[in-house]
Amino acid sequence: MASAKQHVLSLYRRIFRLAKSWQAMSGDVAETNIERKYIISEARSLFRKNKEVTNNDEIKEFIREAEARIELALHYKNPFPRPMNIPQSTLPFTGHAMTKSQKTAMKRAKPIYLKSYNDADR
């Protein structure tokens, strides 16, 4: 548990160092400030949201999510979450409710970098 706590704190510091040195792809100062503020506010809200998690497996998943988001942001030079592709077979017909199997398929299709997002959150 102690090593997980240190890993989480190290990750938190890494995210804030990233925000401090972040440069928008356009080079525009206003855009850079917006993206920096987004990185900081997103990190704070997700870390606060998940601070009560004590299950080591869940903690590891959240660490994987954070690391994936960092790598995606650095690779694409964009801190905002990438869109999620929804399998066509999971979409309900117009006017129909989603079936249990469709809901399960939606959960499985959700990538690791969006694990902390619930449909009710947005």
PDB file of N, CA and C in Angstrom:
ATOM      1  N   MET A   1       0.821  -1.197   0.000  1.00  0.00           N
ATOM      2  CA  MET A   1       0.000   0.000   0.000  1.00  0.00           C
ATOM      3  C   MET A   1       0.864   1.259   0.000  1.00  0.00           C
ATOM      4  N   ALA A   2       1.981   1.213   0.734  1.00  0.00           N
ATOM      5  CA  ALA A   2       2.857   2.380   0.812  1.00  0.00           C
ATOM      6  C   ALA A   2       3.471   2.698  -0.545  1.00  0.00           C
ATOM      7  N   SER A   3       3.842   1.660  -1.307  1.00  0.00           N
ATOM      8  CA  SER A   3       4.433   1.913  -2.619  1.00  0.00           C
ATOM      9  C   SER A   3       3.400   2.493  -3.584  1.00  0.00           C
ATOM     10  N   ALA A   4       2.145   2.062  -3.464  1.00  0.00           N
ATOM     11  CA  ALA A   4       1.077   2.613  -4.310  1.00  0.00           C
ATOM     12  C   ALA A   4       0.873   4.086  -3.978  1.00  0.00           C
ATOM     13  N   LYS A   5       0.912   4.412  -2.700  1.00  0.00           N
ATOM     14  CA  LYS A   5       0.731   5.807  -2.281  1.00  0.00           C
ATOM     15  C   LYS A   5       1.857   6.672  -2.838  1.00  0.00           C
ATOM     16  N   GLN A   6       3.085   6.170  -2.774  1.00  0.00           N
ATOM     17  CA  GLN A   6       4.220   6.920  -3.315  1.00  0.00           C
ATOM     18  C   GLN A   6       4.108   7.059  -4.834  1.00  0.00           C
ATOM     19  N   HIS A   7       3.644   6.004  -5.483  1.00  0.00           N
ATOM     20  CA  HIS A   7       3.471   6.054  -6.942  1.00  0.00           C
ATOM     21  C   HIS A   7       2.421   7.103  -7.304  1.00  0.00           C
ATOM     22  N   VAL A   8       1.325   7.144  -6.558  1.00  0.00           N
ATOM     23  CA  VAL A   8       0.257   8.119  -6.816  1.00  0.00           C
ATOM     24  C   VAL A   8       0.771   9.540  -6.595  1.00  0.00           C
ATOM     25  N   LEU A   9       1.499   9.762  -5.507  1.00  0.00           N
ATOM     26  CA  LEU A   9       2.043  11.100  -5.237  1.00  0.00           C
ATOM     27  C   LEU A   9       3.048  11.511  -6.313  1.00  0.00           C
ATOM     28  N   SER A  10       3.868  10.570  -6.750  1.00  0.00           N
ATOM     29  CA  SER A  10       4.831  10.835  -7.807  1.00  0.00           C
ATOM     30  C   SER A  10       4.113  11.199  -9.105  1.00  0.00           C
ATOM     31  N   LEU A  11       3.043  10.484  -9.389  1.00  0.00           N
ATOM     32  CA  LEU A  11       2.241  10.749 -10.583  1.00  0.00           C
ATOM     33  C   LEU A  11       1.604  12.134 -10.512  1.00  0.00           C
ATOM     34  N   TYR A  12       1.097  12.488  -9.348  1.00  0.00           N
ATOM     35  CA  TYR A  12       0.472  13.794  -9.132  1.00  0.00           C
ATOM     36  C   TYR A  12       1.484  14.908  -9.392  1.00  0.00           C
ATOM     37  N   ARG A  13       2.687  14.752  -8.839  1.00  0.00           N
ATOM     38  CA  ARG A  13       3.746  15.746  -9.064  1.00  0.00           C
ATOM     39  C   ARG A  13       4.127  15.803 -10.538  1.00  0.00           C
ATOM     40  N   ARG A  14       4.190  14.658 -11.189  1.00  0.00           N
ATOM     41  CA  ARG A  14       4.534  14.606 -12.610  1.00  0.00           C
ATOM     42  C   ARG A  14       3.520  15.372 -13.450  1.00  0.00           C
ATOM     43  N   ILE A  15       2.253  15.214 -13.125  1.00  0.00           N
ATOM     44  CA  ILE A  15       1.195  15.907 -13.866  1.00  0.00           C
ATOM     45  C   ILE A  15       1.324  17.414 -13.690  1.00  0.00           C
ATOM     46  N   PHE A  16       1.607  17.858 -12.472  1.00  0.00           N
ATOM     47  CA  PHE A  16       1.739  19.296 -12.240  1.00  0.00           C
ATOM     48  C   PHE A  16       3.004  19.865 -12.896  1.00  0.00           C
ATOM     49  N   ARG A  17       4.072  19.091 -12.945  1.00  0.00           N
ATOM     50  CA  ARG A  17       5.277  19.536 -13.673  1.00  0.00           C
ATOM     51  C   ARG A  17       4.963  19.626 -15.168  1.00  0.00           C
ATOM     52  N   LEU A  18       4.193  18.663 -15.666  1.00  0.00           N
ATOM     53  CA  LEU A  18       3.793  18.686 -17.074  1.00  0.00           C
ATOM     54  C   LEU A  18       2.974  19.944 -17.371  1.00  0.00           C
ATOM     55  N   ALA A  19       2.032  20.264 -16.486  1.00  0.00           N
ATOM     56  CA  ALA A  19       1.197  21.450 -16.680  1.00  0.00           C
ATOM     57  C   ALA A  19       2.051  22.723 -16.691  1.00  0.00           C
ATOM     58  N   LYS A  20       3.035  22.762 -15.824  1.00  0.00           N
ATOM     59  CA  LYS A  20       3.897  23.943 -15.714  1.00  0.00           C
ATOM     60  C   LYS A  20       4.706  24.169 -16.994  1.00  0.00           C
ATOM     61  N   SER A  21       5.132  23.087 -17.632  1.00  0.00           N
ATOM     62  CA  SER A  21       5.957  23.214 -18.835  1.00  0.00           C
ATOM     63  C   SER A  21       5.157  23.060 -20.133  1.00  0.00           C
ATOM     64  N   TRP A  22       3.837  22.879 -20.021  1.00  0.00           N
ATOM     65  CA  TRP A  22       3.007  22.614 -21.204  1.00  0.00           C
ATOM     66  C   TRP A  22       3.004  23.800 -22.166  1.00  0.00           C
ATOM     67  N   GLN A  23       3.107  23.499 -23.456  1.00  0.00           N
ATOM     68  CA  GLN A  23       2.994  24.497 -24.515  1.00  0.00           C
ATOM     69  C   GLN A  23       1.940  24.027 -25.502  1.00  0.00           C
ATOM     70  N   ALA A  24       0.996  24.896 -25.828  1.00  0.00           N
ATOM     71  CA  ALA A  24      -0.028  24.544 -26.816  1.00  0.00           C
ATOM     72  C   ALA A  24       0.634  24.338 -28.171  1.00  0.00           C
ATOM     73  N   MET A  25       0.055  23.470 -28.966  1.00  0.00           N
ATOM     74  CA  MET A  25       0.626  23.155 -30.265  1.00  0.00           C
ATOM     75  C   MET A  25       0.672  24.390 -31.168  1.00  0.00           C
ATOM     76  N   SER A  26      -0.302  25.276 -30.993  1.00  0.00           N
ATOM     77  CA  SER A  26      -0.343  26.482 -31.820  1.00  0.00           C
ATOM     78  C   SER A  26       0.702  27.510 -31.403  1.00  0.00           C
ATOM     79  N   GLY A  27       1.195  27.391 -30.168  1.00  0.00           N
ATOM     80  CA  GLY A  27       2.163  28.358 -29.663  1.00  0.00           C
ATOM     81  C   GLY A  27       1.510  29.603 -29.097  1.00  0.00           C
ATOM     82  N   ASP A  28       0.192  29.687 -29.184  1.00  0.00           N
ATOM     83  CA  ASP A  28      -0.554  30.832 -28.678  1.00  0.00           C
ATOM     84  C   ASP A  28      -0.540  30.830 -27.146  1.00  0.00           C
ATOM     85  N   VAL A  29      -0.223  31.969 -26.560  1.00  0.00           N
ATOM     86  CA  VAL A  29      -0.128  32.075 -25.098  1.00  0.00           C
ATOM     87  C   VAL A  29      -1.484  31.831 -24.440  1.00  0.00           C
ATOM     88  N   ALA A  30      -2.544  32.361 -25.021  1.00  0.00           N
ATOM     89  CA  ALA A  30      -3.881  32.185 -24.444  1.00  0.00           C
ATOM     90  C   ALA A  30      -4.284  30.714 -24.452  1.00  0.00           C
ATOM     91  N   GLU A  31      -4.035  30.034 -25.556  1.00  0.00           N
ATOM     92  CA  GLU A  31      -4.351  28.601 -25.638  1.00  0.00           C
ATOM     93  C   GLU A  31      -3.510  27.791 -24.666  1.00  0.00           C
ATOM     94  N   THR A  32      -2.250  28.155 -24.546  1.00  0.00           N
ATOM     95  CA  THR A  32      -1.361  27.469 -23.604  1.00  0.00           C
ATOM     96  C   THR A  32      -1.901  27.597 -22.188  1.00  0.00           C
ATOM     97  N   ASN A  33      -2.335  28.793 -21.808  1.00  0.00           N
ATOM     98  CA  ASN A  33      -2.889  29.001 -20.460  1.00  0.00           C
ATOM     99  C   ASN A  33      -4.167  28.202 -20.244  1.00  0.00           C
ATOM    100  N   ILE A  34      -5.023  28.150 -21.244  1.00  0.00           N
ATOM    101  CA  ILE A  34      -6.264  27.375 -21.136  1.00  0.00           C
ATOM    102  C   ILE A  34      -5.937  25.897 -20.941  1.00  0.00           C
ATOM    103  N   GLU A  35      -5.010  25.375 -21.731  1.00  0.00           N
ATOM    104  CA  GLU A  35      -4.647  23.961 -21.638  1.00  0.00           C
ATOM    105  C   GLU A  35      -3.959  23.652 -20.310  1.00  0.00           C
ATOM    106  N   ARG A  36      -3.111  24.563 -19.832  1.00  0.00           N
ATOM    107  CA  ARG A  36      -2.469  24.362 -18.532  1.00  0.00           C
ATOM    108  C   ARG A  36      -3.502  24.317 -17.409  1.00  0.00           C
ATOM    109  N   LYS A  37      -4.450  25.254 -17.446  1.00  0.00           N
ATOM    110  CA  LYS A  37      -5.508  25.271 -16.425  1.00  0.00           C
ATOM    111  C   LYS A  37      -6.351  24.002 -16.488  1.00  0.00           C
ATOM    112  N   TYR A  38      -6.606  23.517 -17.698  1.00  0.00           N
ATOM    113  CA  TYR A  38      -7.380  22.281 -17.851  1.00  0.00           C
ATOM    114  C   TYR A  38      -6.635  21.104 -17.217  1.00  0.00           C
ATOM    115  N   ILE A  39      -5.351  20.983 -17.489  1.00  0.00           N
ATOM    116  CA  ILE A  39      -4.558  19.880 -16.935  1.00  0.00           C
ATOM    117  C   ILE A  39      -4.614  19.903 -15.411  1.00  0.00           C
ATOM    118  N   ILE A  40      -4.425  21.081 -14.819  1.00  0.00           N
ATOM    119  CA  ILE A  40      -4.422  21.205 -13.359  1.00  0.00           C
ATOM    120  C   ILE A  40      -5.800  20.906 -12.780  1.00  0.00           C
ATOM    121  N   SER A  41      -6.848  21.484 -13.357  1.00  0.00           N
ATOM    122  CA  SER A  41      -8.197  21.269 -12.803  1.00  0.00           C
ATOM    123  C   SER A  41      -8.644  19.817 -12.976  1.00  0.00           C
ATOM    124  N   GLU A  42      -8.296  19.217 -14.109  1.00  0.00           N
ATOM    125  CA  GLU A  42      -8.658  17.818 -14.359  1.00  0.00           C
ATOM    126  C   GLU A  42      -7.948  16.902 -13.365  1.00  0.00           C
ATOM    127  N   ALA A  43      -6.665  17.143 -13.150  1.00  0.00           N
ATOM    128  CA  ALA A  43      -5.897  16.325 -12.201  1.00  0.00           C
ATOM    129  C   ALA A  43      -6.480  16.455 -10.796  1.00  0.00           C
ATOM    130  N   ARG A  44      -6.717  17.677 -10.376  1.00  0.00           N
ATOM    131  CA  ARG A  44      -7.261  17.891  -9.027  1.00  0.00           C
ATOM    132  C   ARG A  44      -8.605  17.203  -8.850  1.00  0.00           C
ATOM    133  N   SER A  45      -9.497  17.378  -9.821  1.00  0.00           N
ATOM    134  CA  SER A  45     -10.837  16.803  -9.664  1.00  0.00           C
ATOM    135  C   SER A  45     -10.802  15.270  -9.676  1.00  0.00           C
ATOM    136  N   LEU A  46     -10.001  14.674 -10.561  1.00  0.00           N
ATOM    137  CA  LEU A  46      -9.966  13.209 -10.616  1.00  0.00           C
ATOM    138  C   LEU A  46      -9.238  12.606  -9.415  1.00  0.00           C
ATOM    139  N   PHE A  47      -8.184  13.244  -8.951  1.00  0.00           N
ATOM    140  CA  PHE A  47      -7.502  12.727  -7.772  1.00  0.00           C
ATOM    141  C   PHE A  47      -8.398  12.850  -6.539  1.00  0.00           C
ATOM    142  N   ARG A  48      -9.129  13.962  -6.428  1.00  0.00           N
ATOM    143  CA  ARG A  48     -10.059  14.112  -5.293  1.00  0.00           C
ATOM    144  C   ARG A  48     -11.202  13.101  -5.378  1.00  0.00           C
ATOM    145  N   LYS A  49     -11.699  12.902  -6.583  1.00  0.00           N
ATOM    146  CA  LYS A  49     -12.800  11.960  -6.785  1.00  0.00           C
ATOM    147  C   LYS A  49     -12.404  10.548  -6.370  1.00  0.00           C
ATOM    148  N   ASN A  50     -11.156  10.181  -6.615  1.00  0.00           N
ATOM    149  CA  ASN A  50     -10.704   8.814  -6.363  1.00  0.00           C
ATOM    150  C   ASN A  50      -9.868   8.664  -5.103  1.00  0.00           C
ATOM    151  N   LYS A  51      -9.844   9.674  -4.243  1.00  0.00           N
ATOM    152  CA  LYS A  51      -8.972   9.611  -3.067  1.00  0.00           C
ATOM    153  C   LYS A  51      -9.412   8.579  -2.034  1.00  0.00           C
ATOM    154  N   GLU A  52     -10.655   8.171  -2.046  1.00  0.00           N
ATOM    155  CA  GLU A  52     -11.161   7.200  -1.069  1.00  0.00           C
ATOM    156  C   GLU A  52     -10.961   5.743  -1.515  1.00  0.00           C
ATOM    157  N   VAL A  53     -10.428   5.536  -2.706  1.00  0.00           N
ATOM    158  CA  VAL A  53     -10.220   4.188  -3.225  1.00  0.00           C
ATOM    159  C   VAL A  53      -9.100   3.515  -2.437  1.00  0.00           C
ATOM    160  N   THR A  54      -9.377   2.312  -1.913  1.00  0.00           N
ATOM    161  CA  THR A  54      -8.376   1.588  -1.128  1.00  0.00           C
ATOM    162  C   THR A  54      -8.007   0.244  -1.748  1.00  0.00           C
ATOM    163  N   ASN A  55      -8.770  -0.226  -2.697  1.00  0.00           N
ATOM    164  CA  ASN A  55      -8.503  -1.496  -3.360  1.00  0.00           C
ATOM    165  C   ASN A  55      -7.273  -1.334  -4.263  1.00  0.00           C
ATOM    166  N   ASN A  56      -6.249  -2.149  -4.043  1.00  0.00           N
ATOM    167  CA  ASN A  56      -5.003  -2.030  -4.806  1.00  0.00           C
ATOM    168  C   ASN A  56      -5.212  -2.206  -6.304  1.00  0.00           C
ATOM    169  N   ASP A  57      -6.108  -3.117  -6.694  1.00  0.00           N
ATOM    170  CA  ASP A  57      -6.360  -3.328  -8.123  1.00  0.00           C
ATOM    171  C   ASP A  57      -6.976  -2.086  -8.756  1.00  0.00           C
ATOM    172  N   GLU A  58      -7.904  -1.446  -8.046  1.00  0.00           N
ATOM    173  CA  GLU A  58      -8.511  -0.215  -8.560  1.00  0.00           C
ATOM    174  C   GLU A  58      -7.484   0.902  -8.634  1.00  0.00           C
ATOM    175  N   ILE A  59      -6.639   0.993  -7.623  1.00  0.00           N
ATOM    176  CA  ILE A  59      -5.589   2.017  -7.615  1.00  0.00           C
ATOM    177  C   ILE A  59      -4.676   1.827  -8.814  1.00  0.00           C
ATOM    178  N   LYS A  60      -4.300   0.596  -9.096  1.00  0.00           N
ATOM    179  CA  LYS A  60      -3.445   0.309 -10.249  1.00  0.00           C
ATOM    180  C   LYS A  60      -4.125   0.708 -11.559  1.00  0.00           C
ATOM    181  N   GLU A  61      -5.437   0.478 -11.650  1.00  0.00           N
ATOM    182  CA  GLU A  61      -6.173   0.866 -12.855  1.00  0.00           C
ATOM    183  C   GLU A  61      -6.186   2.382 -13.020  1.00  0.00           C
ATOM    184  N   PHE A  62      -6.381   3.107 -11.925  1.00  0.00           N
ATOM    185  CA  PHE A  62      -6.377   4.569 -12.003  1.00  0.00           C
ATOM    186  C   PHE A  62      -4.985   5.093 -12.348  1.00  0.00           C
ATOM    187  N   ILE A  63      -3.950   4.443 -11.852  1.00  0.00           N
ATOM    188  CA  ILE A  63      -2.582   4.817 -12.209  1.00  0.00           C
ATOM    189  C   ILE A  63      -2.357   4.585 -13.703  1.00  0.00           C
ATOM    190  N   ARG A  64      -2.812   3.434 -14.201  1.00  0.00           N
ATOM    191  CA  ARG A  64      -2.696   3.151 -15.643  1.00  0.00           C
ATOM    192  C   ARG A  64      -3.446   4.186 -16.467  1.00  0.00           C
ATOM    193  N   GLU A  65      -4.624   4.589 -15.977  1.00  0.00           N
ATOM    194  CA  GLU A  65      -5.406   5.599 -16.688  1.00  0.00           C
ATOM    195  C   GLU A  65      -4.641   6.920 -16.757  1.00  0.00           C
ATOM    196  N   ALA A  66      -4.096   7.356 -15.632  1.00  0.00           N
ATOM    197  CA  ALA A  66      -3.366   8.622 -15.596  1.00  0.00           C
ATOM    198  C   ALA A  66      -2.145   8.577 -16.512  1.00  0.00           C
ATOM    199  N   GLU A  67      -1.409   7.482 -16.453  1.00  0.00           N
ATOM    200  CA  GLU A  67      -0.228   7.351 -17.305  1.00  0.00           C
ATOM    201  C   GLU A  67      -0.607   7.330 -18.783  1.00  0.00           C
ATOM    202  N   ALA A  68      -1.710   6.674 -19.114  1.00  0.00           N
ATOM    203  CA  ALA A  68      -2.172   6.641 -20.504  1.00  0.00           C
ATOM    204  C   ALA A  68      -2.555   8.040 -20.973  1.00  0.00           C
ATOM    205  N   ARG A  69      -3.231   8.793 -20.110  1.00  0.00           N
ATOM    206  CA  ARG A  69      -3.630  10.151 -20.489  1.00  0.00           C
ATOM    207  C   ARG A  69      -2.427  11.059 -20.665  1.00  0.00           C
ATOM    208  N   ILE A  70      -1.413  10.877 -19.820  1.00  0.00           N
ATOM    209  CA  ILE A  70      -0.185  11.669 -19.963  1.00  0.00           C
ATOM    210  C   ILE A  70       0.477  11.359 -21.302  1.00  0.00           C
ATOM    211  N   GLU A  71       0.604  10.071 -21.600  1.00  0.00           N
ATOM    212  CA  GLU A  71       1.265   9.676 -22.845  1.00  0.00           C
ATOM    213  C   GLU A  71       0.478  10.141 -24.067  1.00  0.00           C
ATOM    214  N   LEU A  72      -0.844  10.056 -24.019  1.00  0.00           N
ATOM    215  CA  LEU A  72      -1.662  10.541 -25.133  1.00  0.00           C
ATOM    216  C   LEU A  72      -1.501  12.053 -25.310  1.00  0.00           C
ATOM    217  N   ALA A  73      -1.507  12.784 -24.197  1.00  0.00           N
ATOM    218  CA  ALA A  73      -1.356  14.241 -24.256  1.00  0.00           C
ATOM    219  C   ALA A  73      -0.010  14.618 -24.859  1.00  0.00           C
ATOM    220  N   LEU A  74       1.041  13.933 -24.424  1.00  0.00           N
ATOM    221  CA  LEU A  74       2.365  14.235 -24.952  1.00  0.00           C
ATOM    222  C   LEU A  74       2.487  13.848 -26.429  1.00  0.00           C
ATOM    223  N   HIS A  75       1.935  12.709 -26.781  1.00  0.00           N
ATOM    224  CA  HIS A  75       2.037  12.238 -28.167  1.00  0.00           C
ATOM    225  C   HIS A  75       1.266  13.135 -29.137  1.00  0.00           C
ATOM    226  N   TYR A  76       0.017  13.435 -28.787  1.00  0.00           N
ATOM    227  CA  TYR A  76      -0.841  14.218 -29.676  1.00  0.00           C
ATOM    228  C   TYR A  76      -0.756  15.715 -29.420  1.00  0.00           C
ATOM    229  N   LYS A  77      -0.004  16.118 -28.400  1.00  0.00           N
ATOM    230  CA  LYS A  77       0.137  17.538 -28.036  1.00  0.00           C
ATOM    231  C   LYS A  77      -1.229  18.166 -27.742  1.00  0.00           C
ATOM    232  N   ASN A  78      -2.083  17.365 -27.083  1.00  0.00           N
ATOM    233  CA  ASN A  78      -3.444  17.790 -26.769  1.00  0.00           C
ATOM    234  C   ASN A  78      -3.833  17.185 -25.420  1.00  0.00           C
ATOM    235  N   PRO A  79      -4.096  18.006 -24.395  1.00  0.00           N
ATOM    236  CA  PRO A  79      -4.394  17.461 -23.078  1.00  0.00           C
ATOM    237  C   PRO A  79      -5.828  16.964 -22.900  1.00  0.00           C
ATOM    238  N   PHE A  80      -6.694  17.291 -23.828  1.00  0.00           N
ATOM    239  CA  PHE A  80      -8.099  16.937 -23.692  1.00  0.00           C
ATOM    240  C   PHE A  80      -8.315  15.463 -24.043  1.00  0.00           C
ATOM    241  N   PRO A  81      -9.307  14.805 -23.397  1.00  0.00           N
ATOM    242  CA  PRO A  81      -9.532  13.380 -23.675  1.00  0.00           C
ATOM    243  C   PRO A  81      -9.908  13.142 -25.134  1.00  0.00           C
ATOM    244  N   ARG A  82      -9.406  12.045 -25.664  1.00  0.00           N
ATOM    245  CA  ARG A  82      -9.730  11.679 -27.027  1.00  0.00           C
ATOM    246  C   ARG A  82     -11.148  11.111 -27.071  1.00  0.00           C
ATOM    247  N   PRO A  83     -11.840  11.274 -28.187  1.00  0.00           N
ATOM    248  CA  PRO A  83     -13.200  10.725 -28.294  1.00  0.00           C
ATOM    249  C   PRO A  83     -13.202   9.197 -28.212  1.00  0.00           C
ATOM    250  N   MET A  84     -14.309   8.673 -27.758  1.00  0.00           N
ATOM    251  CA  MET A  84     -14.471   7.224 -27.634  1.00  0.00           C
ATOM    252  C   MET A  84     -15.306   6.719 -28.808  1.00  0.00           C
ATOM    253  N   ASN A  85     -14.832   5.684 -29.459  1.00  0.00           N
ATOM    254  CA  ASN A  85     -15.587   5.056 -30.539  1.00  0.00           C
ATOM    255  C   ASN A  85     -16.527   4.017 -29.945  1.00  0.00           C
ATOM    256  N   ILE A  86     -17.782   4.109 -30.312  1.00  0.00           N
ATOM    257  CA  ILE A  86     -18.798   3.199 -29.799  1.00  0.00           C
ATOM    258  C   ILE A  86     -19.093   2.136 -30.843  1.00  0.00           C
ATOM    259  N   PRO A  87     -18.998   0.860 -30.473  1.00  0.00           N
ATOM    260  CA  PRO A  87     -19.332  -0.198 -31.430  1.00  0.00           C
ATOM    261  C   PRO A  87     -20.790  -0.080 -31.883  1.00  0.00           C
ATOM    262  N   GLN A  88     -21.024  -0.199 -33.171  1.00  0.00           N
ATOM    263  CA  GLN A  88     -22.371  -0.044 -33.718  1.00  0.00           C
ATOM    264  C   GLN A  88     -23.367  -1.034 -33.126  1.00  0.00           C
ATOM    265  N   SER A  89     -22.897  -2.219 -32.778  1.00  0.00           N
ATOM    266  CA  SER A  89     -23.802  -3.242 -32.256  1.00  0.00           C
ATOM    267  C   SER A  89     -24.354  -2.880 -30.876  1.00  0.00           C
ATOM    268  N   THR A  90     -23.751  -1.895 -30.219  1.00  0.00           N
ATOM    269  CA  THR A  90     -24.217  -1.531 -28.874  1.00  0.00           C
ATOM    270  C   THR A  90     -25.271  -0.432 -28.901  1.00  0.00           C
ATOM    271  N   LEU A  91     -25.472   0.180 -30.034  1.00  0.00           N
ATOM    272  CA  LEU A  91     -26.429   1.278 -30.108  1.00  0.00           C
ATOM    273  C   LEU A  91     -27.862   0.750 -30.153  1.00  0.00           C
ATOM    274  N   PRO A  92     -28.741   1.299 -29.321  1.00  0.00           N
ATOM    275  CA  PRO A  92     -30.138   0.854 -29.350  1.00  0.00           C
ATOM    276  C   PRO A  92     -30.862   1.433 -30.566  1.00  0.00           C
ATOM    277  N   PHE A  93     -31.926   0.774 -30.956  1.00  0.00           N
ATOM    278  CA  PHE A  93     -32.752   1.308 -32.023  1.00  0.00           C
ATOM    279  C   PHE A  93     -33.455   2.555 -31.504  1.00  0.00           C
ATOM    280  N   THR A  94     -33.834   3.432 -32.399  1.00  0.00           N
ATOM    281  CA  THR A  94     -34.491   4.672 -32.017  1.00  0.00           C
ATOM    282  C   THR A  94     -35.742   4.379 -31.191  1.00  0.00           C
ATOM    283  N   GLY A  95     -35.834   5.014 -30.039  1.00  0.00           N
ATOM    284  CA  GLY A  95     -36.992   4.845 -29.182  1.00  0.00           C
ATOM    285  C   GLY A  95     -36.935   3.641 -28.259  1.00  0.00           C
ATOM    286  N   HIS A  96     -35.891   2.849 -28.338  1.00  0.00           N
ATOM    287  CA  HIS A  96     -35.760   1.667 -27.488  1.00  0.00           C
ATOM    288  C   HIS A  96     -34.699   1.900 -26.411  1.00  0.00           C
ATOM    289  N   ALA A  97     -34.885   1.264 -25.276  1.00  0.00           N
ATOM    290  CA  ALA A  97     -33.902   1.342 -24.195  1.00  0.00           C
ATOM    291  C   ALA A  97     -32.755   0.380 -24.488  1.00  0.00           C
ATOM    292  N   MET A  98     -31.610   0.659 -23.908  1.00  0.00           N
ATOM    293  CA  MET A  98     -30.454  -0.229 -24.100  1.00  0.00           C
ATOM    294  C   MET A  98     -30.676  -1.525 -23.328  1.00  0.00           C
ATOM    295  N   THR A  99     -30.296  -2.626 -23.945  1.00  0.00           N
ATOM    296  CA  THR A  99     -30.389  -3.918 -23.267  1.00  0.00           C
ATOM    297  C   THR A  99     -29.185  -4.093 -22.360  1.00  0.00           C
ATOM    298  N   LYS A 100     -29.242  -5.102 -21.503  1.00  0.00           N
ATOM    299  CA  LYS A 100     -28.148  -5.369 -20.578  1.00  0.00           C
ATOM    300  C   LYS A 100     -26.868  -5.703 -21.350  1.00  0.00           C
ATOM    301  N   SER A 101     -26.991  -6.469 -22.413  1.00  0.00           N
ATOM    302  CA  SER A 101     -25.800  -6.834 -23.202  1.00  0.00           C
ATOM    303  C   SER A 101     -25.208  -5.616 -23.911  1.00  0.00           C
ATOM    304  N   GLN A 102     -26.051  -4.688 -24.330  1.00  0.00           N
ATOM    305  CA  GLN A 102     -25.554  -3.468 -24.959  1.00  0.00           C
ATOM    306  C   GLN A 102     -24.805  -2.601 -23.936  1.00  0.00           C
ATOM    307  N   LYS A 103     -25.328  -2.528 -22.712  1.00  0.00           N
ATOM    308  CA  LYS A 103     -24.652  -1.765 -21.657  1.00  0.00           C
ATOM    309  C   LYS A 103     -23.307  -2.386 -21.305  1.00  0.00           C
ATOM    310  N   THR A 104     -23.270  -3.718 -21.250  1.00  0.00           N
ATOM    311  CA  THR A 104     -22.012  -4.421 -20.970  1.00  0.00           C
ATOM    312  C   THR A 104     -21.001  -4.162 -22.080  1.00  0.00           C
ATOM    313  N   ALA A 105     -21.458  -4.204 -23.326  1.00  0.00           N
ATOM    314  CA  ALA A 105     -20.567  -3.955 -24.462  1.00  0.00           C
ATOM    315  C   ALA A 105     -20.030  -2.524 -24.435  1.00  0.00           C
ATOM    316  N   MET A 106     -20.850  -1.576 -24.008  1.00  0.00           N
ATOM    317  CA  MET A 106     -20.405  -0.182 -23.894  1.00  0.00           C
ATOM    318  C   MET A 106     -19.307  -0.058 -22.843  1.00  0.00           C
ATOM    319  N   LYS A 107     -19.476  -0.744 -21.707  1.00  0.00           N
ATOM    320  CA  LYS A 107     -18.464  -0.696 -20.653  1.00  0.00           C
ATOM    321  C   LYS A 107     -17.150  -1.289 -21.130  1.00  0.00           C
ATOM    322  N   ARG A 108     -17.234  -2.379 -21.866  1.00  0.00           N
ATOM    323  CA  ARG A 108     -16.025  -3.033 -22.384  1.00  0.00           C
ATOM    324  C   ARG A 108     -15.334  -2.185 -23.436  1.00  0.00           C
ATOM    325  N   ALA A 109     -16.092  -1.405 -24.182  1.00  0.00           N
ATOM    326  CA  ALA A 109     -15.523  -0.590 -25.251  1.00  0.00           C
ATOM    327  C   ALA A 109     -14.855   0.675 -24.717  1.00  0.00           C
ATOM    328  N   LYS A 110     -15.113   1.020 -23.472  1.00  0.00           N
ATOM    329  CA  LYS A 110     -14.550   2.234 -22.894  1.00  0.00           C
ATOM    330  C   LYS A 110     -13.043   2.069 -22.695  1.00  0.00           C
ATOM    331  N   PRO A 111     -12.228   2.938 -23.299  1.00  0.00           N
ATOM    332  CA  PRO A 111     -10.776   2.807 -23.157  1.00  0.00           C
ATOM    333  C   PRO A 111     -10.296   3.183 -21.756  1.00  0.00           C
ATOM    334  N   ILE A 112      -9.094   2.740 -21.411  1.00  0.00           N
ATOM    335  CA  ILE A 112      -8.536   2.952 -20.077  1.00  0.00           C
ATOM    336  C   ILE A 112      -8.423   4.444 -19.747  1.00  0.00           C
ATOM    337  N   TYR A 113      -8.159   5.280 -20.722  1.00  0.00           N
ATOM    338  CA  TYR A 113      -7.963   6.690 -20.429  1.00  0.00           C
ATOM    339  C   TYR A 113      -9.271   7.431 -20.117  1.00  0.00           C
ATOM    340  N   LEU A 114     -10.395   6.736 -20.198  1.00  0.00           N
ATOM    341  CA  LEU A 114     -11.683   7.331 -19.821  1.00  0.00           C
ATOM    342  C   LEU A 114     -12.337   6.596 -18.654  1.00  0.00           C
ATOM    343  N   LYS A 115     -11.576   5.790 -17.933  1.00  0.00           N
ATOM    344  CA  LYS A 115     -12.110   4.977 -16.840  1.00  0.00           C
ATOM    345  C   LYS A 115     -12.800   5.825 -15.771  1.00  0.00           C
ATOM    346  N   SER A 116     -12.264   6.984 -15.445  1.00  0.00           N
ATOM    347  CA  SER A 116     -12.814   7.820 -14.373  1.00  0.00           C
ATOM    348  C   SER A 116     -14.088   8.548 -14.789  1.00  0.00           C
ATOM    349  N   TYR A 117     -14.404   8.535 -16.060  1.00  0.00           N
ATOM    350  CA  TYR A 117     -15.597   9.220 -16.522  1.00  0.00           C
ATOM    351  C   TYR A 117     -16.780   8.275 -16.503  1.00  0.00           C
ATOM    352  N   ASN A 118     -17.829   8.685 -15.802  1.00  0.00           N
ATOM    353  CA  ASN A 118     -19.103   7.957 -15.833  1.00  0.00           C
ATOM    354  C   ASN A 118     -20.050   8.772 -16.688  1.00  0.00           C
ATOM    355  N   ASP A 119     -21.026   8.110 -17.270  1.00  0.00           N
ATOM    356  CA  ASP A 119     -21.997   8.835 -18.085  1.00  0.00           C
ATOM    357  C   ASP A 119     -22.764   9.863 -17.254  1.00  0.00           C
ATOM    358  N   ALA A 120     -22.940   9.596 -15.969  1.00  0.00           N
ATOM    359  CA  ALA A 120     -23.671  10.510 -15.098  1.00  0.00           C
ATOM    360  C   ALA A 120     -22.846  11.747 -14.785  1.00  0.00           C
ATOM    361  N   ASP A 121     -21.496  11.652 -14.893  1.00  0.00           N
ATOM    362  CA  ASP A 121     -20.620  12.789 -14.594  1.00  0.00           C
ATOM    363  C   ASP A 121     -20.742  13.888 -15.639  1.00  0.00           C
ATOM    364  N   ARG A 122     -21.029  13.553 -16.821  1.00  0.00           N
ATOM    365  CA  ARG A 122     -21.012  14.534 -17.910  1.00  0.00           C
ATOM    366  C   ARG A 122     -22.389  14.946 -18.318  1.00  0.00           C
TER     367      ARG A 122
END
